[in-house]
Amino acid sequence: MVPATISYEQVKDDALHLPIEDRSRLASRLLESLDDDDDVSPEWKDELDRRLQEIDEGKAVMIPHAEVMASVRASLAKNRELRASQGS
């Protein structure tokens, strides 16, 4: 049970000590709480709910942002090289 007097600073400090996967899930939930569902179609809301459930159940593979960006950069570089070699 959460004490009624818990402060923002305490919550922040506690959250920052969580493992990265838990911090990511917490951040997603906090952002979700700010969203206005009026702009989301029922189909998209169902898809979002399905994806969040997969994350919560540990079925989704979470990939760190830095890893995703490195993969994208490598793919773009490979495509540039391919186009350059075809243009020669």
C-alpha atoms as a PDB file:
ATOM      1  CA  MET A   1       0.000   0.000   0.000  1.00  0.00           C
ATOM      2  CA  VAL A   2       1.310   3.455  -0.900  1.00  0.00           C
ATOM      3  CA  PRO A   3       1.545   5.927   1.993  1.00  0.00           C
ATOM      4  CA  ALA A   4      -0.562   9.068   1.503  1.00  0.00           C
ATOM      5  CA  THR A   5       2.476  11.272   2.197  1.00  0.00           C
ATOM      6  CA  ILE A   6       4.818   9.824  -0.409  1.00  0.00           C
ATOM      7  CA  SER A   7       6.600  12.587  -2.297  1.00  0.00           C
ATOM      8  CA  TYR A   8       7.517  13.057  -5.920  1.00  0.00           C
ATOM      9  CA  GLU A   9      11.212  12.954  -4.963  1.00  0.00           C
ATOM     10  CA  GLN A  10      10.818   9.591  -3.218  1.00  0.00           C
ATOM     11  CA  VAL A  11       8.907   8.076  -6.127  1.00  0.00           C
ATOM     12  CA  LYS A  12      11.497   9.437  -8.588  1.00  0.00           C
ATOM     13  CA  ASP A  13      14.431   8.151  -6.544  1.00  0.00           C
ATOM     14  CA  ASP A  14      12.838   4.721  -6.117  1.00  0.00           C
ATOM     15  CA  ALA A  15      11.956   4.505  -9.810  1.00  0.00           C
ATOM     16  CA  LEU A  16      15.499   5.411 -10.885  1.00  0.00           C
ATOM     17  CA  HIS A  17      16.827   2.445  -8.902  1.00  0.00           C
ATOM     18  CA  LEU A  18      14.631  -0.065 -10.759  1.00  0.00           C
ATOM     19  CA  PRO A  19      16.128  -2.309 -13.461  1.00  0.00           C
ATOM     20  CA  ILE A  20      15.925  -0.786 -16.944  1.00  0.00           C
ATOM     21  CA  GLU A  21      13.094  -3.089 -18.051  1.00  0.00           C
ATOM     22  CA  ASP A  22      10.968  -2.034 -15.073  1.00  0.00           C
ATOM     23  CA  ARG A  23      11.786   1.653 -15.635  1.00  0.00           C
ATOM     24  CA  SER A  24      10.734   1.284 -19.262  1.00  0.00           C
ATOM     25  CA  ARG A  25       7.435  -0.345 -18.307  1.00  0.00           C
ATOM     26  CA  LEU A  26       6.808   2.310 -15.660  1.00  0.00           C
ATOM     27  CA  ALA A  27       7.564   5.116 -18.116  1.00  0.00           C
ATOM     28  CA  SER A  28       5.172   3.587 -20.632  1.00  0.00           C
ATOM     29  CA  ARG A  29       2.422   3.331 -18.047  1.00  0.00           C
ATOM     30  CA  LEU A  30       2.953   6.923 -16.902  1.00  0.00           C
ATOM     31  CA  LEU A  31       2.847   8.197 -20.474  1.00  0.00           C
ATOM     32  CA  GLU A  32      -0.230   6.083 -21.114  1.00  0.00           C
ATOM     33  CA  SER A  33      -1.929   7.749 -18.153  1.00  0.00           C
ATOM     34  CA  LEU A  34      -1.462  11.142 -19.854  1.00  0.00           C
ATOM     35  CA  ASP A  35      -2.980  10.094 -23.149  1.00  0.00           C
ATOM     36  CA  ASP A  36      -6.466  11.081 -24.166  1.00  0.00           C
ATOM     37  CA  ASP A  37      -8.132   7.955 -25.563  1.00  0.00           C
ATOM     38  CA  ASP A  38     -10.694  10.012 -27.485  1.00  0.00           C
ATOM     39  CA  ASP A  39      -8.290  10.352 -30.432  1.00  0.00           C
ATOM     40  CA  VAL A  40      -7.514   6.622 -30.680  1.00  0.00           C
ATOM     41  CA  SER A  41      -9.622   4.283 -32.798  1.00  0.00           C
ATOM     42  CA  PRO A  42     -10.974   1.171 -31.060  1.00  0.00           C
ATOM     43  CA  GLU A  43      -8.821  -1.026 -33.330  1.00  0.00           C
ATOM     44  CA  TRP A  44      -5.629   0.849 -32.445  1.00  0.00           C
ATOM     45  CA  LYS A  45      -6.518   0.803 -28.732  1.00  0.00           C
ATOM     46  CA  ASP A  46      -6.965  -2.987 -28.945  1.00  0.00           C
ATOM     47  CA  GLU A  47      -3.547  -3.281 -30.611  1.00  0.00           C
ATOM     48  CA  LEU A  48      -1.914  -1.092 -27.976  1.00  0.00           C
ATOM     49  CA  ASP A  49      -3.546  -3.085 -25.195  1.00  0.00           C
ATOM     50  CA  ARG A  50      -2.322  -6.334 -26.784  1.00  0.00           C
ATOM     51  CA  ARG A  51       1.238  -5.011 -27.034  1.00  0.00           C
ATOM     52  CA  LEU A  52       1.234  -3.730 -23.451  1.00  0.00           C
ATOM     53  CA  GLN A  53      -0.055  -7.090 -22.242  1.00  0.00           C
ATOM     54  CA  GLU A  54       2.799  -8.842 -24.086  1.00  0.00           C
ATOM     55  CA  ILE A  55       5.272  -6.498 -22.390  1.00  0.00           C
ATOM     56  CA  ASP A  56       3.716  -7.074 -18.962  1.00  0.00           C
ATOM     57  CA  GLU A  57       3.745 -10.855 -19.476  1.00  0.00           C
ATOM     58  CA  GLY A  58       7.370 -10.814 -20.598  1.00  0.00           C
ATOM     59  CA  LYS A  59       6.492 -12.130 -24.068  1.00  0.00           C
ATOM     60  CA  ALA A  60       7.750  -9.051 -25.931  1.00  0.00           C
ATOM     61  CA  VAL A  61      11.453  -8.602 -26.572  1.00  0.00           C
ATOM     62  CA  MET A  62      12.499  -5.162 -25.375  1.00  0.00           C
ATOM     63  CA  ILE A  63      15.382  -3.737 -27.417  1.00  0.00           C
ATOM     64  CA  PRO A  64      17.338  -0.800 -25.990  1.00  0.00           C
ATOM     65  CA  HIS A  65      17.091   2.439 -27.981  1.00  0.00           C
ATOM     66  CA  ALA A  66      20.856   2.581 -28.595  1.00  0.00           C
ATOM     67  CA  GLU A  67      20.809  -0.920 -30.073  1.00  0.00           C
ATOM     68  CA  VAL A  68      17.884  -0.100 -32.378  1.00  0.00           C
ATOM     69  CA  MET A  69      19.543   3.097 -33.581  1.00  0.00           C
ATOM     70  CA  ALA A  70      22.855   1.319 -34.219  1.00  0.00           C
ATOM     71  CA  SER A  71      21.035  -1.293 -36.284  1.00  0.00           C
ATOM     72  CA  VAL A  72      19.185   1.373 -38.281  1.00  0.00           C
ATOM     73  CA  ARG A  73      22.418   3.297 -38.930  1.00  0.00           C
ATOM     74  CA  ALA A  74      24.170   0.126 -40.088  1.00  0.00           C
ATOM     75  CA  SER A  75      21.296  -0.711 -42.408  1.00  0.00           C
ATOM     76  CA  LEU A  76      21.260   2.793 -43.891  1.00  0.00           C
ATOM     77  CA  ALA A  77      25.025   2.699 -44.414  1.00  0.00           C
ATOM     78  CA  LYS A  78      24.746  -0.674 -46.152  1.00  0.00           C
ATOM     79  CA  ASN A  79      21.992   0.670 -48.425  1.00  0.00           C
ATOM     80  CA  ARG A  80      24.088   3.743 -49.279  1.00  0.00           C
ATOM     81  CA  GLU A  81      27.061   1.534 -50.140  1.00  0.00           C
ATOM     82  CA  LEU A  82      24.879  -0.688 -52.297  1.00  0.00           C
ATOM     83  CA  ARG A  83      23.436   2.273 -54.204  1.00  0.00           C
ATOM     84  CA  ALA A  84      26.911   3.768 -54.658  1.00  0.00           C
ATOM     85  CA  SER A  85      28.277   0.506 -56.055  1.00  0.00           C
ATOM     86  CA  GLN A  86      25.348   0.165 -58.456  1.00  0.00           C
ATOM     87  CA  GLY A  87      25.798   3.724 -59.693  1.00  0.00           C
ATOM     88  CA  SER A  88      29.469   3.215 -60.599  1.00  0.00           C
END
